[in-house]
Amino acid sequence: MYYTIEDSGDSIVIPVGAFADPAFPAPTFSVYEERMHTWVEMPAGIEHMD
């Protein structure tokens, strides 16, 4: 499962929530934080989209 964003060049986005693997690597870049649940915590040092 993935999607692309028309204005993002060659980027491909894979939603981590689509996987149930607890060993799946933590995200390194955060998008749409205004829509995340209040109980979600981003890893320290993660890059945020402005």
C-alpha atoms as a PDB file:
ATOM      1  CA  MET A   1       0.000   0.000   0.000  1.00  0.00           C
ATOM      2  CA  TYR A   2       1.460   3.373  -1.003  1.00  0.00           C
ATOM      3  CA  TYR A   3       0.484   6.660  -2.547  1.00  0.00           C
ATOM      4  CA  THR A   4       2.160   9.511  -4.342  1.00  0.00           C
ATOM      5  CA  ILE A   5       1.689  13.262  -4.100  1.00  0.00           C
ATOM      6  CA  GLU A   6       1.550  15.046  -7.424  1.00  0.00           C
ATOM      7  CA  ASP A   7       3.731  18.017  -6.367  1.00  0.00           C
ATOM      8  CA  SER A   8       6.336  15.932  -4.499  1.00  0.00           C
ATOM      9  CA  GLY A   9       8.485  14.815  -7.392  1.00  0.00           C
ATOM     10  CA  ASP A  10       9.532  11.183  -7.146  1.00  0.00           C
ATOM     11  CA  SER A  11       8.407  10.676  -3.515  1.00  0.00           C
ATOM     12  CA  ILE A  12       6.407   7.581  -2.609  1.00  0.00           C
ATOM     13  CA  VAL A  13       4.528   7.575   0.710  1.00  0.00           C
ATOM     14  CA  ILE A  14       3.970   4.391   2.713  1.00  0.00           C
ATOM     15  CA  PRO A  15       1.553   4.760   5.656  1.00  0.00           C
ATOM     16  CA  VAL A  16       3.145   2.976   8.626  1.00  0.00           C
ATOM     17  CA  GLY A  17      -0.300   2.310  10.108  1.00  0.00           C
ATOM     18  CA  ALA A  18      -0.940  -0.132   7.264  1.00  0.00           C
ATOM     19  CA  PHE A  19       1.470  -2.614   8.863  1.00  0.00           C
ATOM     20  CA  ALA A  20       0.955  -4.636  12.031  1.00  0.00           C
ATOM     21  CA  ASP A  21       4.646  -5.449  12.492  1.00  0.00           C
ATOM     22  CA  PRO A  22       5.895  -4.110  15.871  1.00  0.00           C
ATOM     23  CA  ALA A  23       9.469  -4.271  14.552  1.00  0.00           C
ATOM     24  CA  PHE A  24       8.657  -1.894  11.686  1.00  0.00           C
ATOM     25  CA  PRO A  25      11.190   0.991  11.788  1.00  0.00           C
ATOM     26  CA  ALA A  26      10.088   4.202  13.499  1.00  0.00           C
ATOM     27  CA  PRO A  27       9.253   7.134  11.219  1.00  0.00           C
ATOM     28  CA  THR A  28      11.910   9.740  10.445  1.00  0.00           C
ATOM     29  CA  PHE A  29       9.591  12.354   8.912  1.00  0.00           C
ATOM     30  CA  SER A  30       6.183  13.475  10.158  1.00  0.00           C
ATOM     31  CA  VAL A  31       3.338  14.781   7.984  1.00  0.00           C
ATOM     32  CA  TYR A  32      -0.222  15.799   8.941  1.00  0.00           C
ATOM     33  CA  GLU A  33       0.495  16.074  12.676  1.00  0.00           C
ATOM     34  CA  GLU A  34      -2.586  18.269  13.050  1.00  0.00           C
ATOM     35  CA  ARG A  35      -4.676  15.152  12.290  1.00  0.00           C
ATOM     36  CA  MET A  36      -2.923  12.656  14.601  1.00  0.00           C
ATOM     37  CA  HIS A  37      -4.561  11.288  17.737  1.00  0.00           C
ATOM     38  CA  THR A  38      -3.708  13.067  20.996  1.00  0.00           C
ATOM     39  CA  TRP A  39      -2.120   9.888  22.392  1.00  0.00           C
ATOM     40  CA  VAL A  40       0.394   9.576  19.522  1.00  0.00           C
ATOM     41  CA  GLU A  41       3.953  10.662  20.359  1.00  0.00           C
ATOM     42  CA  MET A  42       6.511  11.315  17.637  1.00  0.00           C
ATOM     43  CA  PRO A  43      10.046   9.962  18.184  1.00  0.00           C
ATOM     44  CA  ALA A  44      12.640  12.462  19.444  1.00  0.00           C
ATOM     45  CA  GLY A  45      14.599  14.151  16.677  1.00  0.00           C
ATOM     46  CA  ILE A  46      12.038  13.435  13.949  1.00  0.00           C
ATOM     47  CA  GLU A  47      11.797  15.852  11.014  1.00  0.00           C
ATOM     48  CA  HIS A  48       8.488  17.752  10.814  1.00  0.00           C
ATOM     49  CA  MET A  49       6.776  19.079   7.711  1.00  0.00           C
ATOM     50  CA  ASP A  50       6.113  22.807   7.978  1.00  0.00           C
END
